[in-house]
Amino acid sequence: MASTSLKSAGSWTQKENKLFEKALALYDRDTPDRWQNVAKAVGGKSAEEVKHHYEVLIRDLKYIESGRVPIPNYK
């Protein structure tokens, strides 16, 4: 089952990301066992994986907000 654990550790489906977003809205930073709850809501991810996914999201947002990521030209 190494391929399953590798997939869950590195890649997120569109459905998993949507579940992740909804869980973050439901379980805020003051929620006890926040990452366990988010992982349970997403399914197939550990608390460590969802916490890491959140940290990457926050880092990316900081880059975007600081202007370090160019706005794409969709023309």
PDB file of N, CA and C in Angstrom:
ATOM      1  N   MET A   1       0.808  -1.197   0.000  1.00  0.00           N
ATOM      2  CA  MET A   1       0.000   0.000   0.000  1.00  0.00           C
ATOM      3  C   MET A   1       0.854   1.265   0.000  1.00  0.00           C
ATOM      4  N   ALA A   2       2.080   1.158  -0.397  1.00  0.00           N
ATOM      5  CA  ALA A   2       2.953   2.334  -0.412  1.00  0.00           C
ATOM      6  C   ALA A   2       2.440   3.398  -1.356  1.00  0.00           C
ATOM      7  N   SER A   3       1.845   2.999  -2.472  1.00  0.00           N
ATOM      8  CA  SER A   3       1.354   3.996  -3.420  1.00  0.00           C
ATOM      9  C   SER A   3       0.213   4.811  -2.825  1.00  0.00           C
ATOM     10  N   THR A   4      -0.621   4.206  -1.984  1.00  0.00           N
ATOM     11  CA  THR A   4      -1.713   4.935  -1.341  1.00  0.00           C
ATOM     12  C   THR A   4      -1.170   5.970  -0.371  1.00  0.00           C
ATOM     13  N   SER A   5      -0.205   5.584   0.452  1.00  0.00           N
ATOM     14  CA  SER A   5       0.335   6.529   1.415  1.00  0.00           C
ATOM     15  C   SER A   5       1.112   7.632   0.713  1.00  0.00           C
ATOM     16  N   LEU A   6       1.794   7.292  -0.390  1.00  0.00           N
ATOM     17  CA  LEU A   6       2.513   8.301  -1.144  1.00  0.00           C
ATOM     18  C   LEU A   6       1.540   9.298  -1.752  1.00  0.00           C
ATOM     19  N   LYS A   7       0.440   8.822  -2.308  1.00  0.00           N
ATOM     20  CA  LYS A   7      -0.563   9.699  -2.898  1.00  0.00           C
ATOM     21  C   LYS A   7      -1.148  10.613  -1.840  1.00  0.00           C
ATOM     22  N   SER A   8      -1.526  10.054  -0.706  1.00  0.00           N
ATOM     23  CA  SER A   8      -2.173  10.867   0.324  1.00  0.00           C
ATOM     24  C   SER A   8      -1.215  11.890   0.915  1.00  0.00           C
ATOM     25  N   ALA A   9       0.071  11.582   0.912  1.00  0.00           N
ATOM     26  CA  ALA A   9       1.039  12.505   1.486  1.00  0.00           C
ATOM     27  C   ALA A   9       1.327  13.681   0.568  1.00  0.00           C
ATOM     28  N   GLY A  10       1.304  13.463  -0.734  1.00  0.00           N
ATOM     29  CA  GLY A  10       1.755  14.507  -1.626  1.00  0.00           C
ATOM     30  C   GLY A  10       0.707  15.196  -2.459  1.00  0.00           C
ATOM     31  N   SER A  11      -0.310  14.496  -2.872  1.00  0.00           N
ATOM     32  CA  SER A  11      -1.271  15.116  -3.779  1.00  0.00           C
ATOM     33  C   SER A  11      -2.654  15.161  -3.161  1.00  0.00           C
ATOM     34  N   TRP A  12      -3.367  16.202  -3.514  1.00  0.00           N
ATOM     35  CA  TRP A  12      -4.716  16.411  -3.002  1.00  0.00           C
ATOM     36  C   TRP A  12      -5.653  16.550  -4.186  1.00  0.00           C
ATOM     37  N   THR A  13      -6.757  15.855  -4.134  1.00  0.00           N
ATOM     38  CA  THR A  13      -7.750  15.974  -5.196  1.00  0.00           C
ATOM     39  C   THR A  13      -8.547  17.258  -4.998  1.00  0.00           C
ATOM     40  N   GLN A  14      -9.272  17.624  -6.026  1.00  0.00           N
ATOM     41  CA  GLN A  14     -10.134  18.800  -5.929  1.00  0.00           C
ATOM     42  C   GLN A  14     -11.176  18.606  -4.821  1.00  0.00           C
ATOM     43  N   LYS A  15     -11.700  17.399  -4.721  1.00  0.00           N
ATOM     44  CA  LYS A  15     -12.694  17.095  -3.685  1.00  0.00           C
ATOM     45  C   LYS A  15     -12.079  17.223  -2.287  1.00  0.00           C
ATOM     46  N   GLU A  16     -10.864  16.684  -2.124  1.00  0.00           N
ATOM     47  CA  GLU A  16     -10.196  16.782  -0.823  1.00  0.00           C
ATOM     48  C   GLU A  16      -9.929  18.237  -0.450  1.00  0.00           C
ATOM     49  N   ASN A  17      -9.518  19.041  -1.420  1.00  0.00           N
ATOM     50  CA  ASN A  17      -9.276  20.456  -1.139  1.00  0.00           C
ATOM     51  C   ASN A  17     -10.552  21.171  -0.730  1.00  0.00           C
ATOM     52  N   LYS A  18     -11.660  20.850  -1.375  1.00  0.00           N
ATOM     53  CA  LYS A  18     -12.943  21.473  -1.019  1.00  0.00           C
ATOM     54  C   LYS A  18     -13.350  21.052   0.399  1.00  0.00           C
ATOM     55  N   LEU A  19     -13.198  19.775   0.727  1.00  0.00           N
ATOM     56  CA  LEU A  19     -13.500  19.302   2.084  1.00  0.00           C
ATOM     57  C   LEU A  19     -12.582  19.969   3.110  1.00  0.00           C
ATOM     58  N   PHE A  20     -11.326  20.147   2.734  1.00  0.00           N
ATOM     59  CA  PHE A  20     -10.345  20.820   3.584  1.00  0.00           C
ATOM     60  C   PHE A  20     -10.790  22.256   3.875  1.00  0.00           C
ATOM     61  N   GLU A  21     -11.188  22.982   2.833  1.00  0.00           N
ATOM     62  CA  GLU A  21     -11.646  24.365   2.999  1.00  0.00           C
ATOM     63  C   GLU A  21     -12.862  24.442   3.925  1.00  0.00           C
ATOM     64  N   LYS A  22     -13.810  23.555   3.722  1.00  0.00           N
ATOM     65  CA  LYS A  22     -15.014  23.550   4.560  1.00  0.00           C
ATOM     66  C   LYS A  22     -14.664  23.221   6.010  1.00  0.00           C
ATOM     67  N   ALA A  23     -13.754  22.276   6.195  1.00  0.00           N
ATOM     68  CA  ALA A  23     -13.354  21.890   7.552  1.00  0.00           C
ATOM     69  C   ALA A  23     -12.627  23.033   8.253  1.00  0.00           C
ATOM     70  N   LEU A  24     -11.800  23.788   7.511  1.00  0.00           N
ATOM     71  CA  LEU A  24     -11.111  24.931   8.117  1.00  0.00           C
ATOM     72  C   LEU A  24     -12.106  25.980   8.593  1.00  0.00           C
ATOM     73  N   ALA A  25     -13.179  26.161   7.830  1.00  0.00           N
ATOM     74  CA  ALA A  25     -14.210  27.123   8.228  1.00  0.00           C
ATOM     75  C   ALA A  25     -14.960  26.641   9.464  1.00  0.00           C
ATOM     76  N   LEU A  26     -15.113  25.343   9.578  1.00  0.00           N
ATOM     77  CA  LEU A  26     -15.846  24.755  10.695  1.00  0.00           C
ATOM     78  C   LEU A  26     -14.996  24.674  11.968  1.00  0.00           C
ATOM     79  N   TYR A  27     -13.733  24.281  11.807  1.00  0.00           N
ATOM     80  CA  TYR A  27     -12.828  24.103  12.952  1.00  0.00           C
ATOM     81  C   TYR A  27     -11.782  25.207  12.946  1.00  0.00           C
ATOM     82  N   ASP A  28     -12.038  26.284  13.694  1.00  0.00           N
ATOM     83  CA  ASP A  28     -11.092  27.392  13.710  1.00  0.00           C
ATOM     84  C   ASP A  28      -9.919  27.097  14.631  1.00  0.00           C
ATOM     85  N   ARG A  29      -9.019  28.058  14.741  1.00  0.00           N
ATOM     86  CA  ARG A  29      -7.774  27.832  15.488  1.00  0.00           C
ATOM     87  C   ARG A  29      -7.999  27.564  16.979  1.00  0.00           C
ATOM     88  N   ASP A  30      -9.172  27.917  17.510  1.00  0.00           N
ATOM     89  CA  ASP A  30      -9.457  27.684  18.927  1.00  0.00           C
ATOM     90  C   ASP A  30     -10.115  26.326  19.194  1.00  0.00           C
ATOM     91  N   THR A  31     -10.369  25.571  18.141  1.00  0.00           N
ATOM     92  CA  THR A  31     -11.008  24.261  18.289  1.00  0.00           C
ATOM     93  C   THR A  31     -10.010  23.249  18.855  1.00  0.00           C
ATOM     94  N   PRO A  32     -10.369  22.584  19.958  1.00  0.00           N
ATOM     95  CA  PRO A  32      -9.496  21.523  20.457  1.00  0.00           C
ATOM     96  C   PRO A  32      -9.368  20.417  19.407  1.00  0.00           C
ATOM     97  N   ASP A  33      -8.178  19.864  19.292  1.00  0.00           N
ATOM     98  CA  ASP A  33      -7.910  18.785  18.332  1.00  0.00           C
ATOM     99  C   ASP A  33      -8.281  19.189  16.908  1.00  0.00           C
ATOM    100  N   ARG A  34      -7.984  20.435  16.562  1.00  0.00           N
ATOM    101  CA  ARG A  34      -8.361  20.986  15.251  1.00  0.00           C
ATOM    102  C   ARG A  34      -7.898  20.102  14.097  1.00  0.00           C
ATOM    103  N   TRP A  35      -6.632  19.722  14.088  1.00  0.00           N
ATOM    104  CA  TRP A  35      -6.090  19.000  12.932  1.00  0.00           C
ATOM    105  C   TRP A  35      -6.641  17.589  12.839  1.00  0.00           C
ATOM    106  N   GLN A  36      -6.924  16.968  13.958  1.00  0.00           N
ATOM    107  CA  GLN A  36      -7.571  15.655  13.930  1.00  0.00           C
ATOM    108  C   GLN A  36      -8.975  15.773  13.340  1.00  0.00           C
ATOM    109  N   ASN A  37      -9.692  16.817  13.721  1.00  0.00           N
ATOM    110  CA  ASN A  37     -11.039  17.038  13.198  1.00  0.00           C
ATOM    111  C   ASN A  37     -11.023  17.336  11.698  1.00  0.00           C
ATOM    112  N   VAL A  38     -10.073  18.152  11.276  1.00  0.00           N
ATOM    113  CA  VAL A  38      -9.967  18.464   9.850  1.00  0.00           C
ATOM    114  C   VAL A  38      -9.612  17.195   9.073  1.00  0.00           C
ATOM    115  N   ALA A  39      -8.670  16.416   9.585  1.00  0.00           N
ATOM    116  CA  ALA A  39      -8.284  15.170   8.911  1.00  0.00           C
ATOM    117  C   ALA A  39      -9.474  14.225   8.790  1.00  0.00           C
ATOM    118  N   LYS A  40     -10.259  14.120   9.827  1.00  0.00           N
ATOM    119  CA  LYS A  40     -11.437  13.250   9.801  1.00  0.00           C
ATOM    120  C   LYS A  40     -12.451  13.748   8.764  1.00  0.00           C
ATOM    121  N   ALA A  41     -12.615  15.062   8.660  1.00  0.00           N
ATOM    122  CA  ALA A  41     -13.559  15.643   7.711  1.00  0.00           C
ATOM    123  C   ALA A  41     -13.097  15.421   6.266  1.00  0.00           C
ATOM    124  N   VAL A  42     -11.787  15.492   6.041  1.00  0.00           N
ATOM    125  CA  VAL A  42     -11.248  15.292   4.690  1.00  0.00           C
ATOM    126  C   VAL A  42     -11.279  13.807   4.330  1.00  0.00           C
ATOM    127  N   GLY A  43     -10.855  12.973   5.258  1.00  0.00           N
ATOM    128  CA  GLY A  43     -10.792  11.537   5.010  1.00  0.00           C
ATOM    129  C   GLY A  43      -9.526  11.170   4.248  1.00  0.00           C
ATOM    130  N   GLY A  44      -8.854  10.119   4.669  1.00  0.00           N
ATOM    131  CA  GLY A  44      -7.668   9.641   3.972  1.00  0.00           C
ATOM    132  C   GLY A  44      -6.406  10.445   4.222  1.00  0.00           C
ATOM    133  N   LYS A  45      -6.456  11.404   5.119  1.00  0.00           N
ATOM    134  CA  LYS A  45      -5.293  12.227   5.461  1.00  0.00           C
ATOM    135  C   LYS A  45      -5.087  12.196   6.966  1.00  0.00           C
ATOM    136  N   SER A  46      -3.825  12.282   7.372  1.00  0.00           N
ATOM    137  CA  SER A  46      -3.526  12.331   8.799  1.00  0.00           C
ATOM    138  C   SER A  46      -3.590  13.779   9.292  1.00  0.00           C
ATOM    139  N   ALA A  47      -3.601  13.936  10.605  1.00  0.00           N
ATOM    140  CA  ALA A  47      -3.587  15.270  11.195  1.00  0.00           C
ATOM    141  C   ALA A  47      -2.325  16.026  10.773  1.00  0.00           C
ATOM    142  N   GLU A  48      -1.201  15.316  10.690  1.00  0.00           N
ATOM    143  CA  GLU A  48       0.049  15.949  10.275  1.00  0.00           C
ATOM    144  C   GLU A  48      -0.023  16.417   8.826  1.00  0.00           C
ATOM    145  N   GLU A  49      -0.667  15.619   7.965  1.00  0.00           N
ATOM    146  CA  GLU A  49      -0.789  15.992   6.556  1.00  0.00           C
ATOM    147  C   GLU A  49      -1.671  17.224   6.364  1.00  0.00           C
ATOM    148  N   VAL A  50      -2.791  17.296   7.080  1.00  0.00           N
ATOM    149  CA  VAL A  50      -3.658  18.466   6.906  1.00  0.00           C
ATOM    150  C   VAL A  50      -3.025  19.710   7.510  1.00  0.00           C
ATOM    151  N   LYS A  51      -2.287  19.553   8.594  1.00  0.00           N
ATOM    152  CA  LYS A  51      -1.591  20.704   9.178  1.00  0.00           C
ATOM    153  C   LYS A  51      -0.522  21.209   8.218  1.00  0.00           C
ATOM    154  N   HIS A  52       0.214  20.308   7.609  1.00  0.00           N
ATOM    155  CA  HIS A  52       1.239  20.703   6.629  1.00  0.00           C
ATOM    156  C   HIS A  52       0.591  21.384   5.425  1.00  0.00           C
ATOM    157  N   HIS A  53      -0.533  20.849   4.956  1.00  0.00           N
ATOM    158  CA  HIS A  53      -1.253  21.435   3.823  1.00  0.00           C
ATOM    159  C   HIS A  53      -1.678  22.867   4.173  1.00  0.00           C
ATOM    160  N   TYR A  54      -2.118  23.079   5.386  1.00  0.00           N
ATOM    161  CA  TYR A  54      -2.507  24.413   5.860  1.00  0.00           C
ATOM    162  C   TYR A  54      -1.299  25.356   5.884  1.00  0.00           C
ATOM    163  N   GLU A  55      -0.180  24.870   6.397  1.00  0.00           N
ATOM    164  CA  GLU A  55       1.025  25.699   6.475  1.00  0.00           C
ATOM    165  C   GLU A  55       1.503  26.112   5.080  1.00  0.00           C
ATOM    166  N   VAL A  56       1.415  25.205   4.113  1.00  0.00           N
ATOM    167  CA  VAL A  56       1.779  25.523   2.729  1.00  0.00           C
ATOM    168  C   VAL A  56       0.814  26.568   2.163  1.00  0.00           C
ATOM    169  N   LEU A  57      -0.468  26.410   2.456  1.00  0.00           N
ATOM    170  CA  LEU A  57      -1.472  27.375   2.000  1.00  0.00           C
ATOM    171  C   LEU A  57      -1.174  28.773   2.545  1.00  0.00           C
ATOM    172  N   ILE A  58      -0.879  28.859   3.825  1.00  0.00           N
ATOM    173  CA  ILE A  58      -0.574  30.147   4.456  1.00  0.00           C
ATOM    174  C   ILE A  58       0.688  30.752   3.847  1.00  0.00           C
ATOM    175  N   ARG A  59       1.711  29.937   3.628  1.00  0.00           N
ATOM    176  CA  ARG A  59       2.948  30.432   3.005  1.00  0.00           C
ATOM    177  C   ARG A  59       2.658  30.987   1.611  1.00  0.00           C
ATOM    178  N   ASP A  60       1.876  30.252   0.823  1.00  0.00           N
ATOM    179  CA  ASP A  60       1.528  30.698  -0.529  1.00  0.00           C
ATOM    180  C   ASP A  60       0.748  32.009  -0.494  1.00  0.00           C
ATOM    181  N   LEU A  61      -0.185  32.126   0.433  1.00  0.00           N
ATOM    182  CA  LEU A  61      -0.954  33.369   0.551  1.00  0.00           C
ATOM    183  C   LEU A  61      -0.057  34.558   0.894  1.00  0.00           C
ATOM    184  N   LYS A  62       0.915  34.329   1.760  1.00  0.00           N
ATOM    185  CA  LYS A  62       1.839  35.406   2.117  1.00  0.00           C
ATOM    186  C   LYS A  62       2.651  35.846   0.909  1.00  0.00           C
ATOM    187  N   TYR A  63       3.104  34.894   0.078  1.00  0.00           N
ATOM    188  CA  TYR A  63       3.835  35.236  -1.144  1.00  0.00           C
ATOM    189  C   TYR A  63       2.960  36.046  -2.093  1.00  0.00           C
ATOM    190  N   ILE A  64       1.724  35.630  -2.255  1.00  0.00           N
ATOM    191  CA  ILE A  64       0.800  36.334  -3.154  1.00  0.00           C
ATOM    192  C   ILE A  64       0.539  37.743  -2.642  1.00  0.00           C
ATOM    193  N   GLU A  65       0.230  37.862  -1.357  1.00  0.00           N
ATOM    194  CA  GLU A  65      -0.084  39.171  -0.778  1.00  0.00           C
ATOM    195  C   GLU A  65       1.109  40.116  -0.763  1.00  0.00           C
ATOM    196  N   SER A  66       2.315  39.579  -0.708  1.00  0.00           N
ATOM    197  CA  SER A  66       3.512  40.424  -0.695  1.00  0.00           C
ATOM    198  C   SER A  66       3.919  40.866  -2.093  1.00  0.00           C
ATOM    199  N   GLY A  67       3.245  40.345  -3.104  1.00  0.00           N
ATOM    200  CA  GLY A  67       3.561  40.717  -4.480  1.00  0.00           C
ATOM    201  C   GLY A  67       4.685  39.903  -5.094  1.00  0.00           C
ATOM    202  N   ARG A  68       5.133  38.867  -4.425  1.00  0.00           N
ATOM    203  CA  ARG A  68       6.227  38.043  -4.947  1.00  0.00           C
ATOM    204  C   ARG A  68       5.772  37.074  -6.033  1.00  0.00           C
ATOM    205  N   VAL A  69       4.468  36.871  -6.137  1.00  0.00           N
ATOM    206  CA  VAL A  69       3.926  35.993  -7.168  1.00  0.00           C
ATOM    207  C   VAL A  69       3.226  36.888  -8.179  1.00  0.00           C
ATOM    208  N   PRO A  70       3.699  36.887  -9.433  1.00  0.00           N
ATOM    209  CA  PRO A  70       3.073  37.764 -10.426  1.00  0.00           C
ATOM    210  C   PRO A  70       1.636  37.328 -10.749  1.00  0.00           C
ATOM    211  N   ILE A  71       0.802  38.313 -10.996  1.00  0.00           N
ATOM    212  CA  ILE A  71      -0.580  38.027 -11.386  1.00  0.00           C
ATOM    213  C   ILE A  71      -0.542  37.529 -12.822  1.00  0.00           C
ATOM    214  N   PRO A  72      -1.164  36.384 -13.094  1.00  0.00           N
ATOM    215  CA  PRO A  72      -1.111  35.854 -14.464  1.00  0.00           C
ATOM    216  C   PRO A  72      -1.884  36.728 -15.450  1.00  0.00           C
ATOM    217  N   ASN A  73      -1.419  36.746 -16.672  1.00  0.00           N
ATOM    218  CA  ASN A  73      -2.080  37.465 -17.744  1.00  0.00           C
ATOM    219  C   ASN A  73      -2.959  36.480 -18.497  1.00  0.00           C
ATOM    220  N   TYR A  74      -4.267  36.577 -18.322  1.00  0.00           N
ATOM    221  CA  TYR A  74      -5.188  35.611 -18.900  1.00  0.00           C
ATOM    222  C   TYR A  74      -5.689  36.005 -20.285  1.00  0.00           C
ATOM    223  N   LYS A  75      -5.095  37.007 -20.894  1.00  0.00           N
ATOM    224  CA  LYS A  75      -5.560  37.457 -22.212  1.00  0.00           C
ATOM    225  C   LYS A  75      -5.193  36.498 -23.300  1.00  0.00           C
TER     226      LYS A  75
END
